[in-house]
C-alpha atoms as a PDB file:
ATOM      1  CA  MET A   1     -11.482  -8.489  17.418  1.00  0.00           C
ATOM      2  CA  THR A   2      -8.420 -10.155  19.224  1.00  0.00           C
ATOM      3  CA  ASN A   3      -5.010  -9.213  18.570  1.00  0.00           C
ATOM      4  CA  ALA A   4      -3.081 -12.407  16.979  1.00  0.00           C
ATOM      5  CA  THR A   5       0.016 -13.571  17.553  1.00  0.00           C
ATOM      6  CA  ALA A   6       2.274 -13.342  14.555  1.00  0.00           C
ATOM      7  CA  THR A   7       4.868 -15.599  15.559  1.00  0.00           C
ATOM      8  CA  ALA A   8       2.505 -18.306  16.527  1.00  0.00           C
ATOM      9  CA  THR A   9       1.648 -21.327  13.952  1.00  0.00           C
ATOM     10  CA  PRO A  10      -1.353 -20.037  12.226  1.00  0.00           C
ATOM     11  CA  VAL A  11      -4.629 -21.748  12.687  1.00  0.00           C
ATOM     12  CA  VAL A  12      -5.517 -22.106   9.150  1.00  0.00           C
ATOM     13  CA  VAL A  13      -3.173 -21.769   5.806  1.00  0.00           C
ATOM     14  CA  VAL A  14      -4.685 -22.019   2.617  1.00  0.00           C
ATOM     15  CA  ASP A  15      -1.493 -22.737   0.099  1.00  0.00           C
ATOM     16  CA  GLU A  16      -2.713 -21.880  -3.586  1.00  0.00           C
ATOM     17  CA  VAL A  17      -5.299 -24.378  -4.087  1.00  0.00           C
ATOM     18  CA  HIS A  18      -7.442 -25.124  -7.046  1.00  0.00           C
ATOM     19  CA  ALA A  19     -10.689 -26.763  -6.330  1.00  0.00           C
ATOM     20  CA  GLY A  20     -14.158 -27.424  -8.190  1.00  0.00           C
ATOM     21  CA  TYR A  21     -17.270 -29.256  -7.778  1.00  0.00           C
ATOM     22  CA  LEU A  22     -17.210 -30.616 -11.555  1.00  0.00           C
ATOM     23  CA  PRO A  23     -14.285 -32.767 -13.263  1.00  0.00           C
ATOM     24  CA  GLY A  24     -11.717 -30.691 -14.926  1.00  0.00           C
ATOM     25  CA  VAL A  25     -13.858 -27.312 -13.916  1.00  0.00           C
ATOM     26  CA  ASN A  26     -11.883 -25.008 -11.453  1.00  0.00           C
ATOM     27  CA  ILE A  27     -13.742 -22.286  -9.103  1.00  0.00           C
ATOM     28  CA  LEU A  28     -10.599 -21.989  -6.951  1.00  0.00           C
ATOM     29  CA  ASN A  29      -7.432 -20.879  -8.797  1.00  0.00           C
ATOM     30  CA  GLY A  30      -4.462 -20.906  -6.796  1.00  0.00           C
ATOM     31  CA  CYS A  31      -6.161 -19.287  -3.790  1.00  0.00           C
ATOM     32  CA  SER A  32      -4.429 -18.621  -0.403  1.00  0.00           C
ATOM     33  CA  LEU A  33      -5.554 -16.952   2.889  1.00  0.00           C
ATOM     34  CA  VAL A  34      -3.624 -16.998   6.662  1.00  0.00           C
ATOM     35  CA  ALA A  35      -5.596 -17.288   9.847  1.00  0.00           C
ATOM     36  CA  GLU A  36      -3.570 -16.689  13.006  1.00  0.00           C
ATOM     37  CA  GLN A  37      -4.975 -17.477  16.446  1.00  0.00           C
ATOM     38  CA  GLY A  38      -8.079 -15.053  17.125  1.00  0.00           C
ATOM     39  CA  GLU A  39      -7.796 -13.587  14.037  1.00  0.00           C
ATOM     40  CA  LEU A  40     -11.303 -12.499  12.656  1.00  0.00           C
ATOM     41  CA  ILE A  41     -10.809 -12.816   8.681  1.00  0.00           C
ATOM     42  CA  GLY A  42     -13.552 -11.294   5.969  1.00  0.00           C
ATOM     43  CA  ILE A  43     -13.793 -12.606   2.681  1.00  0.00           C
ATOM     44  CA  ILE A  44     -15.299 -10.595   0.037  1.00  0.00           C
ATOM     45  CA  GLY A  45     -16.008 -10.632  -3.830  1.00  0.00           C
ATOM     46  CA  PRO A  46     -17.896 -10.611  -6.292  1.00  0.00           C
ATOM     47  CA  ASN A  47     -20.730 -13.492  -7.099  1.00  0.00           C
ATOM     48  CA  GLY A  48     -18.976 -16.440  -8.498  1.00  0.00           C
ATOM     49  CA  ALA A  49     -15.763 -15.200  -7.156  1.00  0.00           C
ATOM     50  CA  GLY A  50     -14.840 -18.587  -5.391  1.00  0.00           C
ATOM     51  CA  LYS A  51     -15.919 -17.295  -1.454  1.00  0.00           C
ATOM     52  CA  SER A  52     -18.225 -19.931  -0.526  1.00  0.00           C
ATOM     53  CA  THR A  53     -16.194 -22.474  -2.370  1.00  0.00           C
ATOM     54  CA  LEU A  54     -13.267 -21.610  -0.140  1.00  0.00           C
ATOM     55  CA  LEU A  55     -14.906 -22.175   2.744  1.00  0.00           C
ATOM     56  CA  LYS A  56     -16.307 -25.372   1.569  1.00  0.00           C
ATOM     57  CA  ALA A  57     -12.468 -26.476   0.389  1.00  0.00           C
ATOM     58  CA  ILE A  58     -11.657 -25.993   3.667  1.00  0.00           C
ATOM     59  CA  PHE A  59     -14.013 -28.108   5.224  1.00  0.00           C
ATOM     60  CA  GLY A  60     -13.647 -30.762   3.113  1.00  0.00           C
ATOM     61  CA  GLN A  61     -16.895 -30.739   0.598  1.00  0.00           C
ATOM     62  CA  VAL A  62     -15.039 -29.878  -2.322  1.00  0.00           C
ATOM     63  CA  ASN A  63     -12.447 -31.560  -4.215  1.00  0.00           C
ATOM     64  CA  VAL A  64      -8.664 -29.852  -4.022  1.00  0.00           C
ATOM     65  CA  ARG A  65      -6.953 -30.520  -6.866  1.00  0.00           C
ATOM     66  CA  GLU A  66      -3.880 -28.540  -6.331  1.00  0.00           C
ATOM     67  CA  GLY A  67      -2.029 -26.820  -3.252  1.00  0.00           C
ATOM     68  CA  SER A  68      -2.857 -27.417   0.712  1.00  0.00           C
ATOM     69  CA  ILE A  69      -4.550 -26.614   3.629  1.00  0.00           C
ATOM     70  CA  THR A  70      -3.322 -26.765   7.035  1.00  0.00           C
ATOM     71  CA  LEU A  71      -4.719 -26.557  10.462  1.00  0.00           C
ATOM     72  CA  GLN A  72      -2.400 -25.930  13.336  1.00  0.00           C
ATOM     73  CA  GLY A  73       0.519 -27.124  11.040  1.00  0.00           C
ATOM     74  CA  GLU A  74      -1.400 -30.401  10.243  1.00  0.00           C
ATOM     75  CA  ASP A  75      -2.272 -31.258   6.473  1.00  0.00           C
ATOM     76  CA  ILE A  76      -5.929 -31.384   6.652  1.00  0.00           C
ATOM     77  CA  THR A  77      -6.330 -31.297   2.631  1.00  0.00           C
ATOM     78  CA  GLY A  78      -8.995 -33.309   1.499  1.00  0.00           C
ATOM     79  CA  LEU A  79     -10.383 -34.534   5.257  1.00  0.00           C
ATOM     80  CA  LYS A  80     -14.180 -35.019   5.669  1.00  0.00           C
ATOM     81  CA  ALA A  81     -16.006 -33.092   7.419  1.00  0.00           C
ATOM     82  CA  ASN A  82     -16.528 -34.936  10.616  1.00  0.00           C
ATOM     83  CA  LYS A  83     -12.612 -35.502  10.654  1.00  0.00           C
ATOM     84  CA  LEU A  84     -12.816 -31.858  10.679  1.00  0.00           C
ATOM     85  CA  VAL A  85     -15.428 -31.314  13.666  1.00  0.00           C
ATOM     86  CA  SER A  86     -13.306 -33.876  15.676  1.00  0.00           C
ATOM     87  CA  ARG A  87     -10.220 -31.376  14.976  1.00  0.00           C
ATOM     88  CA  GLY A  88     -12.116 -28.301  15.841  1.00  0.00           C
ATOM     89  CA  VAL A  89     -13.266 -27.004  12.924  1.00  0.00           C
ATOM     90  CA  GLY A  90     -17.064 -25.438  12.710  1.00  0.00           C
ATOM     91  CA  PHE A  91     -18.982 -24.458   9.535  1.00  0.00           C
ATOM     92  CA  ILE A  92     -22.060 -22.466   9.518  1.00  0.00           C
ATOM     93  CA  PRO A  93     -23.671 -22.406   5.692  1.00  0.00           C
ATOM     94  CA  GLN A  94     -26.205 -19.733   4.329  1.00  0.00           C
ATOM     95  CA  THR A  95     -29.020 -21.976   3.926  1.00  0.00           C
ATOM     96  CA  ASN A  96     -30.616 -24.945   6.100  1.00  0.00           C
ATOM     97  CA  ASN A  97     -28.373 -24.310   8.814  1.00  0.00           C
ATOM     98  CA  VAL A  98     -30.660 -25.483  11.463  1.00  0.00           C
ATOM     99  CA  PHE A  99     -33.240 -28.353  12.247  1.00  0.00           C
ATOM    100  CA  PRO A 100     -36.088 -27.346  11.731  1.00  0.00           C
ATOM    101  CA  SER A 101     -38.323 -29.831  13.188  1.00  0.00           C
ATOM    102  CA  LEU A 102     -36.383 -30.294  16.414  1.00  0.00           C
ATOM    103  CA  THR A 103     -36.312 -27.778  19.404  1.00  0.00           C
ATOM    104  CA  ILE A 104     -33.599 -25.227  20.020  1.00  0.00           C
ATOM    105  CA  GLU A 105     -32.320 -27.440  22.704  1.00  0.00           C
ATOM    106  CA  GLU A 106     -31.695 -30.655  20.409  1.00  0.00           C
ATOM    107  CA  ASN A 107     -30.484 -27.983  17.736  1.00  0.00           C
ATOM    108  CA  LEU A 108     -27.640 -27.319  20.532  1.00  0.00           C
ATOM    109  CA  GLN A 109     -27.373 -30.945  21.557  1.00  0.00           C
ATOM    110  CA  MET A 110     -26.753 -31.899  17.787  1.00  0.00           C
ATOM    111  CA  GLY A 111     -23.479 -29.989  18.189  1.00  0.00           C
ATOM    112  CA  LEU A 112     -22.128 -31.381  21.151  1.00  0.00           C
ATOM    113  CA  TYR A 113     -23.004 -35.201  19.414  1.00  0.00           C
ATOM    114  CA  GLN A 114     -19.013 -36.009  19.918  1.00  0.00           C
ATOM    115  CA  ASN A 115     -18.959 -35.019  23.611  1.00  0.00           C
ATOM    116  CA  PRO A 116     -21.929 -34.902  24.859  1.00  0.00           C
ATOM    117  CA  GLY A 117     -20.668 -35.031  28.698  1.00  0.00           C
ATOM    118  CA  ALA A 118     -19.990 -31.187  28.146  1.00  0.00           C
ATOM    119  CA  TYR A 119     -23.557 -30.180  27.470  1.00  0.00           C
ATOM    120  CA  LYS A 120     -24.144 -28.245  30.714  1.00  0.00           C
ATOM    121  CA  GLU A 121     -20.746 -26.249  30.639  1.00  0.00           C
ATOM    122  CA  ARG A 122     -20.987 -25.577  26.505  1.00  0.00           C
ATOM    123  CA  LEU A 123     -24.430 -24.269  27.056  1.00  0.00           C
ATOM    124  CA  GLU A 124     -23.948 -21.914  29.564  1.00  0.00           C
ATOM    125  CA  PHE A 125     -20.945 -20.808  27.426  1.00  0.00           C
ATOM    126  CA  VAL A 126     -23.226 -20.409  24.495  1.00  0.00           C
ATOM    127  CA  THR A 127     -26.243 -19.101  26.334  1.00  0.00           C
ATOM    128  CA  GLY A 128     -23.887 -16.002  27.995  1.00  0.00           C
ATOM    129  CA  ILE A 129     -23.693 -15.018  24.250  1.00  0.00           C
ATOM    130  CA  PHE A 130     -26.987 -15.702  23.374  1.00  0.00           C
ATOM    131  CA  ALA A 131     -29.040 -15.181  26.226  1.00  0.00           C
ATOM    132  CA  GLU A 132     -32.182 -15.011  24.652  1.00  0.00           C
ATOM    133  CA  LEU A 133     -31.771 -18.655  23.352  1.00  0.00           C
ATOM    134  CA  GLY A 134     -31.668 -20.146  26.935  1.00  0.00           C
ATOM    135  CA  LYS A 135     -35.272 -18.810  27.463  1.00  0.00           C
ATOM    136  CA  ARG A 136     -36.774 -20.749  24.475  1.00  0.00           C
ATOM    137  CA  LEU A 137     -34.764 -23.939  24.296  1.00  0.00           C
ATOM    138  CA  LYS A 138     -38.032 -25.901  24.127  1.00  0.00           C
ATOM    139  CA  GLN A 139     -39.077 -23.939  21.271  1.00  0.00           C
ATOM    140  CA  ARG A 140     -39.166 -25.549  17.461  1.00  0.00           C
ATOM    141  CA  ALA A 141     -36.465 -23.985  15.441  1.00  0.00           C
ATOM    142  CA  GLY A 142     -38.623 -24.118  12.378  1.00  0.00           C
ATOM    143  CA  SER A 143     -40.804 -21.457  14.126  1.00  0.00           C
ATOM    144  CA  LEU A 144     -38.105 -19.148  14.066  1.00  0.00           C
ATOM    145  CA  SER A 145     -37.497 -16.100  12.353  1.00  0.00           C
ATOM    146  CA  GLY A 146     -34.573 -15.947   9.889  1.00  0.00           C
ATOM    147  CA  GLY A 147     -32.110 -13.754  12.336  1.00  0.00           C
ATOM    148  CA  GLU A 148     -33.208 -16.054  15.135  1.00  0.00           C
ATOM    149  CA  ARG A 149     -32.358 -19.480  13.367  1.00  0.00           C
ATOM    150  CA  GLN A 150     -29.182 -17.784  12.162  1.00  0.00           C
ATOM    151  CA  MET A 151     -28.418 -17.325  16.401  1.00  0.00           C
ATOM    152  CA  VAL A 152     -29.093 -21.079  16.711  1.00  0.00           C
ATOM    153  CA  ALA A 153     -26.910 -22.091  14.126  1.00  0.00           C
ATOM    154  CA  MET A 154     -24.225 -20.312  15.545  1.00  0.00           C
ATOM    155  CA  SER A 155     -24.925 -21.307  18.886  1.00  0.00           C
ATOM    156  CA  ARG A 156     -24.800 -25.112  17.738  1.00  0.00           C
ATOM    157  CA  ALA A 157     -21.652 -24.662  15.921  1.00  0.00           C
ATOM    158  CA  LEU A 158     -20.125 -22.999  19.608  1.00  0.00           C
ATOM    159  CA  MET A 159     -21.218 -25.927  21.627  1.00  0.00           C
ATOM    160  CA  MET A 160     -18.449 -28.064  19.482  1.00  0.00           C
ATOM    161  CA  ASP A 161     -15.940 -25.724  20.856  1.00  0.00           C
ATOM    162  CA  PRO A 162     -14.192 -24.632  17.804  1.00  0.00           C
ATOM    163  CA  LYS A 163     -11.174 -23.700  17.325  1.00  0.00           C
ATOM    164  CA  VAL A 164     -11.830 -22.042  14.007  1.00  0.00           C
ATOM    165  CA  LEU A 165     -15.449 -21.346  12.802  1.00  0.00           C
ATOM    166  CA  LEU A 166     -16.181 -20.902   9.234  1.00  0.00           C
ATOM    167  CA  LEU A 167     -19.387 -18.542   8.454  1.00  0.00           C
ATOM    168  CA  ASP A 168     -21.118 -18.542   4.797  1.00  0.00           C
ATOM    169  CA  GLU A 169     -22.693 -15.363   4.532  1.00  0.00           C
ATOM    170  CA  PRO A 170     -24.153 -14.697   7.969  1.00  0.00           C
ATOM    171  CA  SER A 171     -25.992 -11.512   7.179  1.00  0.00           C
ATOM    172  CA  ALA A 172     -27.876 -13.403   4.179  1.00  0.00           C
ATOM    173  CA  GLY A 173     -31.570 -12.503   3.741  1.00  0.00           C
ATOM    174  CA  LEU A 174     -31.901 -10.699   7.158  1.00  0.00           C
ATOM    175  CA  SER A 175     -33.230  -7.421   7.855  1.00  0.00           C
ATOM    176  CA  PRO A 176     -30.888  -4.684   8.432  1.00  0.00           C
ATOM    177  CA  VAL A 177     -31.761  -4.794  12.182  1.00  0.00           C
ATOM    178  CA  ARG A 178     -31.164  -8.479  12.301  1.00  0.00           C
ATOM    179  CA  GLN A 179     -27.764  -8.186   9.815  1.00  0.00           C
ATOM    180  CA  ASP A 180     -26.579  -5.899  12.640  1.00  0.00           C
ATOM    181  CA  GLU A 181     -27.301  -8.092  14.992  1.00  0.00           C
ATOM    182  CA  ALA A 182     -25.453 -10.807  13.139  1.00  0.00           C
ATOM    183  CA  PHE A 183     -22.296  -9.167  13.016  1.00  0.00           C
ATOM    184  CA  ILE A 184     -22.226  -7.836  16.685  1.00  0.00           C
ATOM    185  CA  ARG A 185     -22.631 -11.915  17.508  1.00  0.00           C
ATOM    186  CA  VAL A 186     -20.020 -12.663  15.207  1.00  0.00           C
ATOM    187  CA  SER A 187     -17.605 -10.097  16.714  1.00  0.00           C
ATOM    188  CA  GLU A 188     -18.504 -11.459  20.097  1.00  0.00           C
ATOM    189  CA  ILE A 189     -17.689 -14.972  19.380  1.00  0.00           C
ATOM    190  CA  ASN A 190     -14.415 -13.846  17.814  1.00  0.00           C
ATOM    191  CA  LYS A 191     -13.852 -11.757  21.120  1.00  0.00           C
ATOM    192  CA  ALA A 192     -14.282 -14.993  22.965  1.00  0.00           C
ATOM    193  CA  GLY A 193     -11.191 -16.730  21.621  1.00  0.00           C
ATOM    194  CA  VAL A 194     -12.475 -18.239  18.316  1.00  0.00           C
ATOM    195  CA  THR A 195     -10.597 -17.675  15.041  1.00  0.00           C
ATOM    196  CA  CYS A 196     -13.353 -16.781  12.191  1.00  0.00           C
ATOM    197  CA  ILE A 197     -12.933 -16.674   9.036  1.00  0.00           C
ATOM    198  CA  MET A 198     -16.517 -15.235   7.385  1.00  0.00           C
ATOM    199  CA  VAL A 199     -17.627 -14.862   3.705  1.00  0.00           C
ATOM    200  CA  GLU A 200     -19.940 -11.956   3.033  1.00  0.00           C
ATOM    201  CA  GLN A 201     -22.024  -9.858   0.636  1.00  0.00           C
ATOM    202  CA  ASN A 202     -22.384  -6.784   2.662  1.00  0.00           C
ATOM    203  CA  ALA A 203     -18.422  -5.892   1.878  1.00  0.00           C
ATOM    204  CA  ARG A 204     -18.376  -2.734   3.948  1.00  0.00           C
ATOM    205  CA  ARG A 205     -19.560  -3.881   7.169  1.00  0.00           C
ATOM    206  CA  CYS A 206     -17.734  -7.309   6.766  1.00  0.00           C
ATOM    207  CA  LEU A 207     -14.315  -4.866   6.522  1.00  0.00           C
ATOM    208  CA  GLN A 208     -15.470  -2.677   9.333  1.00  0.00           C
ATOM    209  CA  ILE A 209     -15.244  -5.659  12.126  1.00  0.00           C
ATOM    210  CA  CYS A 210     -12.520  -7.983  10.604  1.00  0.00           C
ATOM    211  CA  ASP A 211      -9.115  -7.888  11.284  1.00  0.00           C
ATOM    212  CA  ARG A 212      -7.917  -8.989   7.993  1.00  0.00           C
ATOM    213  CA  GLY A 213      -9.818  -9.097   4.582  1.00  0.00           C
ATOM    214  CA  TYR A 214      -9.726 -11.013   1.554  1.00  0.00           C
ATOM    215  CA  VAL A 215     -10.791  -9.995  -1.718  1.00  0.00           C
ATOM    216  CA  LEU A 216     -11.545 -13.117  -4.023  1.00  0.00           C
ATOM    217  CA  ASP A 217     -12.299 -12.535  -7.747  1.00  0.00           C
ATOM    218  CA  GLN A 218     -12.313 -15.374 -10.105  1.00  0.00           C
ATOM    219  CA  GLY A 219     -11.385 -17.946  -7.918  1.00  0.00           C
ATOM    220  CA  ARG A 220      -8.232 -15.906  -6.546  1.00  0.00           C
ATOM    221  CA  ASP A 221      -6.848 -13.386  -4.422  1.00  0.00           C
ATOM    222  CA  ALA A 222      -6.967 -10.016  -5.712  1.00  0.00           C
ATOM    223  CA  TYR A 223      -6.107  -7.705  -2.821  1.00  0.00           C
ATOM    224  CA  THR A 224      -5.623  -8.586   0.830  1.00  0.00           C
ATOM    225  CA  GLY A 225      -4.792  -6.212   3.696  1.00  0.00           C
ATOM    226  CA  THR A 226      -6.381  -5.198   7.139  1.00  0.00           C
ATOM    227  CA  GLY A 227     -10.176  -4.188   6.784  1.00  0.00           C
ATOM    228  CA  ARG A 228      -9.205  -0.602   7.109  1.00  0.00           C
ATOM    229  CA  GLU A 229      -6.941  -0.947   4.588  1.00  0.00           C
ATOM    230  CA  LEU A 230      -9.465  -2.258   1.968  1.00  0.00           C
ATOM    231  CA  LEU A 231     -11.971   0.237   2.949  1.00  0.00           C
ATOM    232  CA  LYS A 232      -9.467   2.955   2.180  1.00  0.00           C
ATOM    233  CA  ASP A 233      -8.203   1.121  -0.890  1.00  0.00           C
ATOM    234  CA  PRO A 234      -9.699   3.586  -3.847  1.00  0.00           C
ATOM    235  CA  LYS A 235      -9.237   0.323  -6.253  1.00  0.00           C
ATOM    236  CA  VAL A 236     -11.092  -1.736  -3.907  1.00  0.00           C
ATOM    237  CA  THR A 237     -13.919   0.635  -3.328  1.00  0.00           C
ATOM    238  CA  GLU A 238     -14.190   1.423  -7.081  1.00  0.00           C
ATOM    239  CA  LEU A 239     -14.504  -2.331  -8.463  1.00  0.00           C
ATOM    240  CA  TYR A 240     -16.095  -3.873  -5.355  1.00  0.00           C
ATOM    241  CA  LEU A 241     -17.549  -1.961  -2.760  1.00  0.00           C
ATOM    242  CA  GLY A 242     -19.821  -0.063  -4.713  1.00  0.00           C
ATOM    243  CA  THR A 243     -21.678  -3.201  -5.752  1.00  0.00           C
ATOM    244  CA  LEU A 244     -21.084  -5.275  -3.028  1.00  0.00           C
ATOM    245  CA  GLY A 245     -23.284  -3.859   0.085  1.00  0.00           C
ATOM    246  CA  THR A 246     -23.276  -0.779   1.739  1.00  0.00           C
END
């Protein structure tokens, strides 16, 4: 974790956003979030609370009907994903997050399609965090385990040198050992200077590593605070942590 500078313009501000997939049906009902430079933000909550929808709203993949989303002071509400990538926003979905027919190296190159000339520099940075991938660049991504695919997905997103990285349940479907590795890697990415906003079902582990957390329920912020504050909050423990992972 890095220490954010509270006086600086926040990297991401989600202000009273209402959003959904179907006409007239909202999943987010006035959701707000602030991510300062260098913060690791954790988002937890029960199934159906709107956690993944919040990330998709930030990344232009769901209709925002009310409210606004800004990136370093610029209104990005409704911008398409390709425009957001060019502004430094990376997104790692929970599923289908690699190209299985491509090699690891080709997957990484896909992450740099807007700036292919920086490949060597970015590859050096990425393999500094994911050293094992640098030794297996010619291996097909489809032959990798779930945890290894997650590492490739994170690496590909880092190739674009993002200001903000959105992660949708990076530990989902992984073994306990691989889950721990995923959280360690997220922390390392954050320590390298990338602002991270992470949705997680493993609520306790998420709150242990994040600077600040948001508990979503029915599309709204039910609780917010530092990771430590939320872990110690008896209401959060009673209502959420008992059923949201250990």
